[in-house]
PDB file of N, CA and C in Angstrom:
ATOM      1  N   MET A   1       3.053  -7.254 -14.154  1.00  0.00           N
ATOM      2  CA  MET A   1       3.020  -7.413 -12.722  1.00  0.00           C
ATOM      3  C   MET A   1       2.248  -6.245 -12.133  1.00  0.00           C
ATOM      4  N   TYR A   2       1.349  -6.543 -11.212  1.00  0.00           N
ATOM      5  CA  TYR A   2       0.578  -5.510 -10.519  1.00  0.00           C
ATOM      6  C   TYR A   2       0.635  -5.772  -9.027  1.00  0.00           C
ATOM      7  N   TYR A   3       1.090  -4.791  -8.271  1.00  0.00           N
ATOM      8  CA  TYR A   3       1.146  -4.854  -6.814  1.00  0.00           C
ATOM      9  C   TYR A   3      -0.040  -4.059  -6.294  1.00  0.00           C
ATOM     10  N   ASP A   4      -0.942  -4.725  -5.600  1.00  0.00           N
ATOM     11  CA  ASP A   4      -2.181  -4.075  -5.178  1.00  0.00           C
ATOM     12  C   ASP A   4      -2.268  -3.948  -3.670  1.00  0.00           C
ATOM     13  N   ASN A   5      -2.313  -2.704  -3.197  1.00  0.00           N
ATOM     14  CA  ASN A   5      -2.609  -2.463  -1.798  1.00  0.00           C
ATOM     15  C   ASN A   5      -3.761  -1.476  -1.664  1.00  0.00           C
ATOM     16  N   VAL A   6      -4.493  -1.279  -2.771  1.00  0.00           N
ATOM     17  CA  VAL A   6      -5.587  -0.313  -2.796  1.00  0.00           C
ATOM     18  C   VAL A   6      -6.947  -0.989  -2.894  1.00  0.00           C
ATOM     19  N   GLY A   7      -7.099  -1.920  -3.827  1.00  0.00           N
ATOM     20  CA  GLY A   7      -8.396  -2.565  -4.034  1.00  0.00           C
ATOM     21  C   GLY A   7      -9.360  -1.642  -4.751  1.00  0.00           C
ATOM     22  N   GLY A   8     -10.639  -1.946  -4.642  1.00  0.00           N
ATOM     23  CA  GLY A   8     -11.680  -1.090  -5.198  1.00  0.00           C
ATOM     24  C   GLY A   8     -11.605  -0.898  -6.694  1.00  0.00           C
ATOM     25  N   ALA A   9     -11.953   0.305  -7.136  1.00  0.00           N
ATOM     26  CA  ALA A   9     -12.030   0.620  -8.566  1.00  0.00           C
ATOM     27  C   ALA A   9     -10.671   0.509  -9.258  1.00  0.00           C
ATOM     28  N   ILE A  10      -9.593   0.860  -8.550  1.00  0.00           N
ATOM     29  CA  ILE A  10      -8.254   0.761  -9.146  1.00  0.00           C
ATOM     30  C   ILE A  10      -7.912  -0.699  -9.409  1.00  0.00           C
ATOM     31  N   GLN A  11      -8.227  -1.558  -8.452  1.00  0.00           N
ATOM     32  CA  GLN A  11      -7.993  -2.996  -8.629  1.00  0.00           C
ATOM     33  C   GLN A  11      -8.789  -3.515  -9.821  1.00  0.00           C
ATOM     34  N   GLN A  12     -10.022  -3.098  -9.928  1.00  0.00           N
ATOM     35  CA  GLN A  12     -10.891  -3.526 -11.021  1.00  0.00           C
ATOM     36  C   GLN A  12     -10.282  -3.143 -12.371  1.00  0.00           C
ATOM     37  N   ALA A  13      -9.812  -1.907 -12.476  1.00  0.00           N
ATOM     38  CA  ALA A  13      -9.200  -1.445 -13.732  1.00  0.00           C
ATOM     39  C   ALA A  13      -7.904  -2.192 -14.030  1.00  0.00           C
ATOM     40  N   ALA A  14      -7.130  -2.469 -13.006  1.00  0.00           N
ATOM     41  CA  ALA A  14      -5.851  -3.173 -13.200  1.00  0.00           C
ATOM     42  C   ALA A  14      -6.080  -4.591 -13.706  1.00  0.00           C
ATOM     43  N   PHE A  15      -7.063  -5.293 -13.136  1.00  0.00           N
ATOM     44  CA  PHE A  15      -7.350  -6.656 -13.608  1.00  0.00           C
ATOM     45  C   PHE A  15      -7.703  -6.630 -15.094  1.00  0.00           C
ATOM     46  N   ASP A  16      -8.501  -5.677 -15.498  1.00  0.00           N
ATOM     47  CA  ASP A  16      -8.906  -5.578 -16.896  1.00  0.00           C
ATOM     48  C   ASP A  16      -7.735  -5.249 -17.818  1.00  0.00           C
ATOM     49  N   ALA A  17      -6.736  -4.520 -17.300  1.00  0.00           N
ATOM     50  CA  ALA A  17      -5.602  -4.087 -18.129  1.00  0.00           C
ATOM     51  C   ALA A  17      -4.434  -5.074 -18.127  1.00  0.00           C
ATOM     52  N   MET A  18      -4.522  -6.132 -17.344  1.00  0.00           N
ATOM     53  CA  MET A  18      -3.409  -7.083 -17.238  1.00  0.00           C
ATOM     54  C   MET A  18      -3.161  -7.804 -18.560  1.00  0.00           C
ATOM     55  N   ASN A  19      -1.893  -8.109 -18.807  1.00  0.00           N
ATOM     56  CA  ASN A  19      -1.521  -8.923 -19.957  1.00  0.00           C
ATOM     57  C   ASN A  19      -1.727 -10.401 -19.629  1.00  0.00           C
ATOM     58  N   THR A  20      -1.807 -11.221 -20.661  1.00  0.00           N
ATOM     59  CA  THR A  20      -1.916 -12.666 -20.482  1.00  0.00           C
ATOM     60  C   THR A  20      -0.734 -13.162 -19.652  1.00  0.00           C
ATOM     61  N   HIS A  21      -1.027 -14.040 -18.705  1.00  0.00           N
ATOM     62  CA  HIS A  21      -0.049 -14.613 -17.774  1.00  0.00           C
ATOM     63  C   HIS A  21       0.541 -13.571 -16.830  1.00  0.00           C
ATOM     64  N   GLY A  22      -0.184 -12.472 -16.624  1.00  0.00           N
ATOM     65  CA  GLY A  22       0.266 -11.455 -15.674  1.00  0.00           C
ATOM     66  C   GLY A  22       0.227 -11.978 -14.250  1.00  0.00           C
ATOM     67  N   ARG A  23       0.945 -11.304 -13.372  1.00  0.00           N
ATOM     68  CA  ARG A  23       1.003 -11.699 -11.967  1.00  0.00           C
ATOM     69  C   ARG A  23       0.516 -10.546 -11.091  1.00  0.00           C
ATOM     70  N   ILE A  24      -0.268 -10.887 -10.091  1.00  0.00           N
ATOM     71  CA  ILE A  24      -0.831  -9.892  -9.184  1.00  0.00           C
ATOM     72  C   ILE A  24      -0.463 -10.268  -7.760  1.00  0.00           C
ATOM     73  N   ALA A  25       0.108  -9.310  -7.023  1.00  0.00           N
ATOM     74  CA  ALA A  25       0.427  -9.497  -5.608  1.00  0.00           C
ATOM     75  C   ALA A  25      -0.540  -8.638  -4.804  1.00  0.00           C
ATOM     76  N   LEU A  26      -1.342  -9.280  -3.967  1.00  0.00           N
ATOM     77  CA  LEU A  26      -2.326  -8.571  -3.133  1.00  0.00           C
ATOM     78  C   LEU A  26      -1.794  -8.472  -1.714  1.00  0.00           C
ATOM     79  N   CYS A  27      -1.691  -7.244  -1.193  1.00  0.00           N
ATOM     80  CA  CYS A  27      -1.208  -7.114   0.181  1.00  0.00           C
ATOM     81  C   CYS A  27      -2.068  -6.193   1.027  1.00  0.00           C
ATOM     82  N   GLY A  28      -3.064  -5.562   0.452  1.00  0.00           N
ATOM     83  CA  GLY A  28      -3.918  -4.668   1.230  1.00  0.00           C
ATOM     84  C   GLY A  28      -5.088  -4.184   0.412  1.00  0.00           C
ATOM     85  N   MET A  29      -6.013  -3.559   1.072  1.00  0.00           N
ATOM     86  CA  MET A  29      -7.208  -3.040   0.410  1.00  0.00           C
ATOM     87  C   MET A  29      -7.570  -1.698   1.034  1.00  0.00           C
ATOM     88  N   VAL A  30      -6.651  -0.721   0.952  1.00  0.00           N
ATOM     89  CA  VAL A  30      -6.864   0.567   1.599  1.00  0.00           C
ATOM     90  C   VAL A  30      -8.171   1.228   1.141  1.00  0.00           C
ATOM     91  N   GLY A  31      -8.611   0.893  -0.082  1.00  0.00           N
ATOM     92  CA  GLY A  31      -9.866   1.431  -0.593  1.00  0.00           C
ATOM     93  C   GLY A  31     -11.076   0.979   0.203  1.00  0.00           C
ATOM     94  N   GLN A  32     -10.915  -0.065   0.998  1.00  0.00           N
ATOM     95  CA  GLN A  32     -12.021  -0.584   1.795  1.00  0.00           C
ATOM     96  C   GLN A  32     -11.889  -0.239   3.278  1.00  0.00           C
ATOM     97  N   TYR A  33     -10.771   0.327   3.686  1.00  0.00           N
ATOM     98  CA  TYR A  33     -10.547   0.585   5.104  1.00  0.00           C
ATOM     99  C   TYR A  33     -11.520   1.604   5.688  1.00  0.00           C
ATOM    100  N   SER A  34     -11.982   2.536   4.866  1.00  0.00           N
ATOM    101  CA  SER A  34     -12.863   3.584   5.384  1.00  0.00           C
ATOM    102  C   SER A  34     -14.281   3.078   5.615  1.00  0.00           C
ATOM    103  N   GLY A  35     -14.605   1.897   5.092  1.00  0.00           N
ATOM    104  CA  GLY A  35     -15.930   1.316   5.304  1.00  0.00           C
ATOM    105  C   GLY A  35     -17.037   2.026   4.562  1.00  0.00           C
ATOM    106  N   GLU A  36     -16.712   2.709   3.495  1.00  0.00           N
ATOM    107  CA  GLU A  36     -17.710   3.455   2.719  1.00  0.00           C
ATOM    108  C   GLU A  36     -18.382   2.555   1.685  1.00  0.00           C
ATOM    109  N   GLY A  37     -19.187   1.635   2.138  1.00  0.00           N
ATOM    110  CA  GLY A  37     -19.912   0.766   1.223  1.00  0.00           C
ATOM    111  C   GLY A  37     -19.050  -0.353   0.695  1.00  0.00           C
ATOM    112  N   GLU A  38     -19.632  -1.150  -0.156  1.00  0.00           N
ATOM    113  CA  GLU A  38     -18.937  -2.299  -0.709  1.00  0.00           C
ATOM    114  C   GLU A  38     -18.080  -1.879  -1.896  1.00  0.00           C
ATOM    115  N   ALA A  39     -16.848  -2.319  -1.891  1.00  0.00           N
ATOM    116  CA  ALA A  39     -15.929  -1.984  -2.976  1.00  0.00           C
ATOM    117  C   ALA A  39     -16.268  -2.802  -4.211  1.00  0.00           C
ATOM    118  N   PRO A  40     -16.095  -2.214  -5.407  1.00  0.00           N
ATOM    119  CA  PRO A  40     -16.323  -2.991  -6.626  1.00  0.00           C
ATOM    120  C   PRO A  40     -15.334  -4.146  -6.700  1.00  0.00           C
ATOM    121  N   ALA A  41     -15.812  -5.272  -7.131  1.00  0.00           N
ATOM    122  CA  ALA A  41     -14.963  -6.457  -7.236  1.00  0.00           C
ATOM    123  C   ALA A  41     -14.204  -6.435  -8.554  1.00  0.00           C
ATOM    124  N   PRO A  42     -13.037  -7.109  -8.579  1.00  0.00           N
ATOM    125  CA  PRO A  42     -12.305  -7.200  -9.843  1.00  0.00           C
ATOM    126  C   PRO A  42     -13.051  -8.118 -10.802  1.00  0.00           C
ATOM    127  N   ASN A  43     -12.747  -7.983 -12.059  1.00  0.00           N
ATOM    128  CA  ASN A  43     -13.324  -8.836 -13.084  1.00  0.00           C
ATOM    129  C   ASN A  43     -12.564 -10.163 -13.075  1.00  0.00           C
ATOM    130  N   LEU A  44     -13.069 -11.131 -12.325  1.00  0.00           N
ATOM    131  CA  LEU A  44     -12.365 -12.413 -12.218  1.00  0.00           C
ATOM    132  C   LEU A  44     -12.412 -13.209 -13.511  1.00  0.00           C
ATOM    133  N   MET A  45     -13.340 -12.881 -14.423  1.00  0.00           N
ATOM    134  CA  MET A  45     -13.318 -13.531 -15.733  1.00  0.00           C
ATOM    135  C   MET A  45     -12.027 -13.165 -16.452  1.00  0.00           C
ATOM    136  N   ALA A  46     -11.527 -11.944 -16.238  1.00  0.00           N
ATOM    137  CA  ALA A  46     -10.240 -11.544 -16.820  1.00  0.00           C
ATOM    138  C   ALA A  46      -9.128 -12.434 -16.284  1.00  0.00           C
ATOM    139  N   ALA A  47      -9.207 -12.811 -15.003  1.00  0.00           N
ATOM    140  CA  ALA A  47      -8.193 -13.691 -14.416  1.00  0.00           C
ATOM    141  C   ALA A  47      -8.195 -15.053 -15.096  1.00  0.00           C
ATOM    142  N   ILE A  48      -9.373 -15.516 -15.464  1.00  0.00           N
ATOM    143  CA  ILE A  48      -9.473 -16.814 -16.135  1.00  0.00           C
ATOM    144  C   ILE A  48      -8.979 -16.705 -17.576  1.00  0.00           C
ATOM    145  N   ILE A  49      -9.543 -15.779 -18.316  1.00  0.00           N
ATOM    146  CA  ILE A  49      -9.203 -15.636 -19.736  1.00  0.00           C
ATOM    147  C   ILE A  49      -7.720 -15.325 -19.933  1.00  0.00           C
ATOM    148  N   LYS A  50      -7.173 -14.473 -19.072  1.00  0.00           N
ATOM    149  CA  LYS A  50      -5.774 -14.066 -19.209  1.00  0.00           C
ATOM    150  C   LYS A  50      -4.810 -14.962 -18.433  1.00  0.00           C
ATOM    151  N   ARG A  51      -5.346 -15.990 -17.750  1.00  0.00           N
ATOM    152  CA  ARG A  51      -4.526 -16.919 -16.976  1.00  0.00           C
ATOM    153  C   ARG A  51      -3.615 -16.183 -15.995  1.00  0.00           C
ATOM    154  N   LEU A  52      -4.231 -15.308 -15.203  1.00  0.00           N
ATOM    155  CA  LEU A  52      -3.479 -14.512 -14.242  1.00  0.00           C
ATOM    156  C   LEU A  52      -3.122 -15.328 -13.001  1.00  0.00           C
ATOM    157  N   SER A  53      -1.989 -15.006 -12.419  1.00  0.00           N
ATOM    158  CA  SER A  53      -1.584 -15.588 -11.136  1.00  0.00           C
ATOM    159  C   SER A  53      -1.816 -14.532 -10.067  1.00  0.00           C
ATOM    160  N   ILE A  54      -2.584 -14.879  -9.042  1.00  0.00           N
ATOM    161  CA  ILE A  54      -2.917 -13.942  -7.975  1.00  0.00           C
ATOM    162  C   ILE A  54      -2.441 -14.534  -6.650  1.00  0.00           C
ATOM    163  N   THR A  55      -1.612 -13.783  -5.944  1.00  0.00           N
ATOM    164  CA  THR A  55      -1.059 -14.255  -4.680  1.00  0.00           C
ATOM    165  C   THR A  55      -1.228 -13.185  -3.614  1.00  0.00           C
ATOM    166  N   GLY A  56      -1.773 -13.578  -2.486  1.00  0.00           N
ATOM    167  CA  GLY A  56      -1.843 -12.673  -1.346  1.00  0.00           C
ATOM    168  C   GLY A  56      -0.596 -12.858  -0.501  1.00  0.00           C
ATOM    169  N   PHE A  57      -0.154 -11.772   0.153  1.00  0.00           N
ATOM    170  CA  PHE A  57       0.996 -11.905   1.039  1.00  0.00           C
ATOM    171  C   PHE A  57       0.960 -10.831   2.113  1.00  0.00           C
ATOM    172  N   LEU A  58       1.681 -11.091   3.161  1.00  0.00           N
ATOM    173  CA  LEU A  58       1.865 -10.147   4.258  1.00  0.00           C
ATOM    174  C   LEU A  58       3.361  -9.906   4.423  1.00  0.00           C
ATOM    175  N   ALA A  59       3.729  -8.724   4.850  1.00  0.00           N
ATOM    176  CA  ALA A  59       5.145  -8.406   5.025  1.00  0.00           C
ATOM    177  C   ALA A  59       5.823  -9.387   5.979  1.00  0.00           C
ATOM    178  N   ASN A  60       5.102  -9.842   6.994  1.00  0.00           N
ATOM    179  CA  ASN A  60       5.750 -10.750   7.948  1.00  0.00           C
ATOM    180  C   ASN A  60       5.983 -12.150   7.378  1.00  0.00           C
ATOM    181  N   ASP A  61       5.555 -12.412   6.145  1.00  0.00           N
ATOM    182  CA  ASP A  61       5.900 -13.665   5.476  1.00  0.00           C
ATOM    183  C   ASP A  61       7.413 -13.769   5.294  1.00  0.00           C
ATOM    184  N   HIS A  62       8.092 -12.624   5.295  1.00  0.00           N
ATOM    185  CA  HIS A  62       9.534 -12.561   5.041  1.00  0.00           C
ATOM    186  C   HIS A  62      10.274 -11.899   6.201  1.00  0.00           C
ATOM    187  N   ILE A  63       9.757 -12.054   7.405  1.00  0.00           N
ATOM    188  CA  ILE A  63      10.313 -11.376   8.573  1.00  0.00           C
ATOM    189  C   ILE A  63      11.768 -11.757   8.828  1.00  0.00           C
ATOM    190  N   THR A  64      12.177 -12.938   8.439  1.00  0.00           N
ATOM    191  CA  THR A  64      13.564 -13.353   8.656  1.00  0.00           C
ATOM    192  C   THR A  64      14.549 -12.529   7.826  1.00  0.00           C
ATOM    193  N   LEU A  65      14.068 -11.895   6.756  1.00  0.00           N
ATOM    194  CA  LEU A  65      14.923 -11.070   5.904  1.00  0.00           C
ATOM    195  C   LEU A  65      15.018  -9.625   6.395  1.00  0.00           C
ATOM    196  N   PHE A  66      14.251  -9.275   7.433  1.00  0.00           N
ATOM    197  CA  PHE A  66      14.194  -7.882   7.868  1.00  0.00           C
ATOM    198  C   PHE A  66      15.549  -7.318   8.294  1.00  0.00           C
ATOM    199  N   PRO A  67      16.356  -8.012   9.097  1.00  0.00           N
ATOM    200  CA  PRO A  67      17.661  -7.429   9.474  1.00  0.00           C
ATOM    201  C   PRO A  67      18.543  -7.118   8.258  1.00  0.00           C
ATOM    202  N   GLU A  68      18.532  -8.007   7.269  1.00  0.00           N
ATOM    203  CA  GLU A  68      19.319  -7.775   6.049  1.00  0.00           C
ATOM    204  C   GLU A  68      18.788  -6.561   5.290  1.00  0.00           C
ATOM    205  N   PHE A  69      17.461  -6.476   5.170  1.00  0.00           N
ATOM    206  CA  PHE A  69      16.851  -5.334   4.489  1.00  0.00           C
ATOM    207  C   PHE A  69      17.148  -4.034   5.231  1.00  0.00           C
ATOM    208  N   GLN A  70      17.020  -4.070   6.556  1.00  0.00           N
ATOM    209  CA  GLN A  70      17.231  -2.874   7.362  1.00  0.00           C
ATOM    210  C   GLN A  70      18.646  -2.323   7.166  1.00  0.00           C
ATOM    211  N   ALA A  71      19.645  -3.184   7.176  1.00  0.00           N
ATOM    212  CA  ALA A  71      21.029  -2.762   6.969  1.00  0.00           C
ATOM    213  C   ALA A  71      21.216  -2.199   5.560  1.00  0.00           C
ATOM    214  N   PHE A  72      20.643  -2.863   4.569  1.00  0.00           N
ATOM    215  CA  PHE A  72      20.740  -2.427   3.173  1.00  0.00           C
ATOM    216  C   PHE A  72      20.075  -1.059   2.984  1.00  0.00           C
ATOM    217  N   ALA A  73      18.856  -0.912   3.509  1.00  0.00           N
ATOM    218  CA  ALA A  73      18.108   0.341   3.354  1.00  0.00           C
ATOM    219  C   ALA A  73      18.781   1.487   4.114  1.00  0.00           C
ATOM    220  N   LEU A  74      19.301   1.220   5.296  1.00  0.00           N
ATOM    221  CA  LEU A  74      19.987   2.255   6.079  1.00  0.00           C
ATOM    222  C   LEU A  74      21.210   2.755   5.330  1.00  0.00           C
ATOM    223  N   ASP A  75      21.951   1.847   4.724  1.00  0.00           N
ATOM    224  CA  ASP A  75      23.124   2.235   3.951  1.00  0.00           C
ATOM    225  C   ASP A  75      22.723   3.143   2.780  1.00  0.00           C
ATOM    226  N   LEU A  76      21.674   2.760   2.053  1.00  0.00           N
ATOM    227  CA  LEU A  76      21.200   3.597   0.946  1.00  0.00           C
ATOM    228  C   LEU A  76      20.738   4.967   1.437  1.00  0.00           C
ATOM    229  N   TYR A  77      20.038   4.994   2.562  1.00  0.00           N
ATOM    230  CA  TYR A  77      19.536   6.251   3.133  1.00  0.00           C
ATOM    231  C   TYR A  77      20.702   7.154   3.526  1.00  0.00           C
ATOM    232  N   GLN A  78      21.713   6.597   4.168  1.00  0.00           N
ATOM    233  CA  GLN A  78      22.866   7.384   4.599  1.00  0.00           C
ATOM    234  C   GLN A  78      23.667   7.915   3.408  1.00  0.00           C
ATOM    235  N   GLN A  79      23.618   7.215   2.279  1.00  0.00           N
ATOM    236  CA  GLN A  79      24.288   7.669   1.058  1.00  0.00           C
ATOM    237  C   GLN A  79      23.450   8.698   0.295  1.00  0.00           C
ATOM    238  N   GLY A  80      22.224   8.929   0.747  1.00  0.00           N
ATOM    239  CA  GLY A  80      21.338   9.865   0.060  1.00  0.00           C
ATOM    240  C   GLY A  80      20.666   9.268  -1.163  1.00  0.00           C
ATOM    241  N   LYS A  81      20.753   7.940  -1.320  1.00  0.00           N
ATOM    242  CA  LYS A  81      20.161   7.268  -2.478  1.00  0.00           C
ATOM    243  C   LYS A  81      18.719   6.832  -2.222  1.00  0.00           C
ATOM    244  N   LEU A  82      18.302   6.834  -0.980  1.00  0.00           N
ATOM    245  CA  LEU A  82      16.945   6.438  -0.613  1.00  0.00           C
ATOM    246  C   LEU A  82      16.277   7.628   0.050  1.00  0.00           C
ATOM    247  N   LYS A  83      15.218   8.094  -0.558  1.00  0.00           N
ATOM    248  CA  LYS A  83      14.507   9.266  -0.047  1.00  0.00           C
ATOM    249  C   LYS A  83      13.067   8.866   0.259  1.00  0.00           C
ATOM    250  N   HIS A  84      12.451   9.627   1.127  1.00  0.00           N
ATOM    251  CA  HIS A  84      11.063   9.335   1.461  1.00  0.00           C
ATOM    252  C   HIS A  84      10.284  10.643   1.602  1.00  0.00           C
ATOM    253  N   GLN A  85       8.990  10.512   1.490  1.00  0.00           N
ATOM    254  CA  GLN A  85       8.092  11.638   1.724  1.00  0.00           C
ATOM    255  C   GLN A  85       7.090  11.206   2.775  1.00  0.00           C
ATOM    256  N   ALA A  86       6.623  12.172   3.530  1.00  0.00           N
ATOM    257  CA  ALA A  86       5.630  11.870   4.558  1.00  0.00           C
ATOM    258  C   ALA A  86       4.688  13.045   4.729  1.00  0.00           C
ATOM    259  N   THR A  87       3.437  12.732   5.000  1.00  0.00           N
ATOM    260  CA  THR A  87       2.444  13.726   5.382  1.00  0.00           C
ATOM    261  C   THR A  87       2.292  13.592   6.893  1.00  0.00           C
ATOM    262  N   VAL A  88       2.554  14.679   7.609  1.00  0.00           N
ATOM    263  CA  VAL A  88       2.547  14.643   9.072  1.00  0.00           C
ATOM    264  C   VAL A  88       1.420  15.510   9.607  1.00  0.00           C
ATOM    265  N   THR A  89       0.595  14.906  10.435  1.00  0.00           N
ATOM    266  CA  THR A  89      -0.436  15.634  11.173  1.00  0.00           C
ATOM    267  C   THR A  89       0.076  15.747  12.601  1.00  0.00           C
ATOM    268  N   LYS A  90       0.024  16.935  13.186  1.00  0.00           N
ATOM    269  CA  LYS A  90       0.571  17.137  14.529  1.00  0.00           C
ATOM    270  C   LYS A  90      -0.524  17.076  15.582  1.00  0.00           C
ATOM    271  N   GLY A  91      -0.248  16.302  16.630  1.00  0.00           N
ATOM    272  CA  GLY A  91      -1.132  16.250  17.784  1.00  0.00           C
ATOM    273  C   GLY A  91      -2.095  15.083  17.769  1.00  0.00           C
ATOM    274  N   ILE A  92      -2.124  14.349  18.872  1.00  0.00           N
ATOM    275  CA  ILE A  92      -3.029  13.202  18.995  1.00  0.00           C
ATOM    276  C   ILE A  92      -4.483  13.626  18.868  1.00  0.00           C
ATOM    277  N   GLU A  93      -4.762  14.868  19.216  1.00  0.00           N
ATOM    278  CA  GLU A  93      -6.138  15.363  19.097  1.00  0.00           C
ATOM    279  C   GLU A  93      -6.591  15.450  17.639  1.00  0.00           C
ATOM    280  N   ASN A  94      -5.654  15.343  16.708  1.00  0.00           N
ATOM    281  CA  ASN A  94      -5.968  15.393  15.276  1.00  0.00           C
ATOM    282  C   ASN A  94      -5.842  14.026  14.607  1.00  0.00           C
ATOM    283  N   ILE A  95      -5.884  12.958  15.404  1.00  0.00           N
ATOM    284  CA  ILE A  95      -5.733  11.615  14.848  1.00  0.00           C
ATOM    285  C   ILE A  95      -6.804  11.317  13.800  1.00  0.00           C
ATOM    286  N   HIS A  96      -8.002  11.863  13.987  1.00  0.00           N
ATOM    287  CA  HIS A  96      -9.070  11.653  12.989  1.00  0.00           C
ATOM    288  C   HIS A  96      -8.670  12.224  11.635  1.00  0.00           C
ATOM    289  N   GLU A  97      -7.981  13.368  11.644  1.00  0.00           N
ATOM    290  CA  GLU A  97      -7.502  13.979  10.405  1.00  0.00           C
ATOM    291  C   GLU A  97      -6.455  13.079   9.741  1.00  0.00           C
ATOM    292  N   THR A  98      -5.597  12.472  10.557  1.00  0.00           N
ATOM    293  CA  THR A  98      -4.576  11.556  10.055  1.00  0.00           C
ATOM    294  C   THR A  98      -5.215  10.370   9.355  1.00  0.00           C
ATOM    295  N   ILE A  99      -6.193   9.765  10.006  1.00  0.00           N
ATOM    296  CA  ILE A  99      -6.867   8.593   9.442  1.00  0.00           C
ATOM    297  C   ILE A  99      -7.637   8.961   8.183  1.00  0.00           C
ATOM    298  N   ASN A 100      -8.342  10.098   8.218  1.00  0.00           N
ATOM    299  CA  ASN A 100      -9.106  10.533   7.038  1.00  0.00           C
ATOM    300  C   ASN A 100      -8.189  10.832   5.855  1.00  0.00           C
ATOM    301  N   SER A 101      -7.019  11.390   6.128  1.00  0.00           N
ATOM    302  CA  SER A 101      -6.058  11.666   5.057  1.00  0.00           C
ATOM    303  C   SER A 101      -5.582  10.370   4.414  1.00  0.00           C
ATOM    304  N   LEU A 102      -5.292   9.375   5.255  1.00  0.00           N
ATOM    305  CA  LEU A 102      -4.822   8.089   4.752  1.00  0.00           C
ATOM    306  C   LEU A 102      -5.899   7.376   3.944  1.00  0.00           C
ATOM    307  N   THR A 103      -7.079   7.229   4.520  1.00  0.00           N
ATOM    308  CA  THR A 103      -8.130   6.473   3.829  1.00  0.00           C
ATOM    309  C   THR A 103      -8.716   7.248   2.653  1.00  0.00           C
ATOM    310  N   GLY A 104      -8.565   8.574   2.663  1.00  0.00           N
ATOM    311  CA  GLY A 104      -9.064   9.380   1.558  1.00  0.00           C
ATOM    312  C   GLY A 104      -8.042   9.597   0.459  1.00  0.00           C
ATOM    313  N   GLY A 105      -6.840   9.049   0.626  1.00  0.00           N
ATOM    314  CA  GLY A 105      -5.800   9.185  -0.395  1.00  0.00           C
ATOM    315  C   GLY A 105      -5.248  10.587  -0.508  1.00  0.00           C
ATOM    316  N   LYS A 106      -5.312  11.368   0.566  1.00  0.00           N
ATOM    317  CA  LYS A 106      -4.838  12.752   0.530  1.00  0.00           C
ATOM    318  C   LYS A 106      -3.373  12.885   0.921  1.00  0.00           C
ATOM    319  N   ASN A 107      -2.800  11.819   1.474  1.00  0.00           N
ATOM    320  CA  ASN A 107      -1.410  11.879   1.924  1.00  0.00           C
ATOM    321  C   ASN A 107      -0.440  11.648   0.772  1.00  0.00           C
ATOM    322  N   ILE A 108       0.788  12.107   0.993  1.00  0.00           N
ATOM    323  CA  ILE A 108       1.893  11.832   0.076  1.00  0.00           C
ATOM    324  C   ILE A 108       2.911  11.043   0.874  1.00  0.00           C
ATOM    325  N   GLY A 109       3.252   9.859   0.422  1.00  0.00           N
ATOM    326  CA  GLY A 109       4.175   9.001   1.154  1.00  0.00           C
ATOM    327  C   GLY A 109       3.516   8.444   2.402  1.00  0.00           C
ATOM    328  N   LYS A 110       4.312   8.275   3.440  1.00  0.00           N
ATOM    329  CA  LYS A 110       3.795   7.771   4.712  1.00  0.00           C
ATOM    330  C   LYS A 110       2.851   8.790   5.333  1.00  0.00           C
ATOM    331  N   GLN A 111       1.834   8.301   6.003  1.00  0.00           N
ATOM    332  CA  GLN A 111       0.934   9.169   6.773  1.00  0.00           C
ATOM    333  C   GLN A 111       1.305   8.996   8.236  1.00  0.00           C
ATOM    334  N   LEU A 112       1.687  10.079   8.885  1.00  0.00           N
ATOM    335  CA  LEU A 112       2.122  10.028  10.267  1.00  0.00           C
ATOM    336  C   LEU A 112       1.328  10.981  11.140  1.00  0.00           C
ATOM    337  N   CYS A 113       1.196  10.629  12.408  1.00  0.00           N
ATOM    338  CA  CYS A 113       0.631  11.528  13.396  1.00  0.00           C
ATOM    339  C   CYS A 113       1.719  11.757  14.435  1.00  0.00           C
ATOM    340  N   GLN A 114       2.212  13.000  14.523  1.00  0.00           N
ATOM    341  CA  GLN A 114       3.278  13.342  15.460  1.00  0.00           C
ATOM    342  C   GLN A 114       2.667  13.626  16.823  1.00  0.00           C
ATOM    343  N   ILE A 115       3.134  12.905  17.804  1.00  0.00           N
ATOM    344  CA  ILE A 115       2.670  13.086  19.177  1.00  0.00           C
ATOM    345  C   ILE A 115       3.840  13.642  19.981  1.00  0.00           C
ATOM    346  N   GLY A 116       3.717  14.843  20.462  1.00  0.00           N
ATOM    347  CA  GLY A 116       4.789  15.473  21.230  1.00  0.00           C
ATOM    348  C   GLY A 116       5.787  16.168  20.329  1.00  0.00           C
ATOM    349  N   ASP A 117       6.759  16.811  20.969  1.00  0.00           N
ATOM    350  CA  ASP A 117       7.810  17.549  20.249  1.00  0.00           C
ATOM    351  C   ASP A 117       8.967  16.627  19.916  1.00  0.00           C
ATOM    352  N   LEU A 118       9.688  16.962  18.868  1.00  0.00           N
ATOM    353  CA  LEU A 118      10.847  16.179  18.472  1.00  0.00           C
ATOM    354  C   LEU A 118      12.141  16.754  19.025  1.00  0.00           C
ATOM    355  N   ASP A 119      12.054  17.811  19.796  1.00  0.00           N
ATOM    356  CA  ASP A 119      13.260  18.457  20.350  1.00  0.00           C
ATOM    357  C   ASP A 119      13.963  17.596  21.348  1.00  0.00           C
TER     358      ASP A 119
END
């Protein structure tokens, strides 16, 4: 199983490394968001030879499950079993830095831009 939200060269390598009858879930192409030329395409011959299943999806395909997920995740977070990391850029004037960090793969976890004080 391969979950792809990157695209580009990583996607290409993943298609080549898939096992026969592997499954691929496509939900994004962050490697293409920066608009830096055309991204390399996956080897679709591998999809044929290996009989891969490729499905695109969006998070809102399952929006009806969100309240259940939210309650479940909040419980795990409050128990200390769910942790997260975030890269925070401070100030709207630095939004370009936030976007460049995200599209350049420089962030760890969520990429956030903090606007205003949290006090």
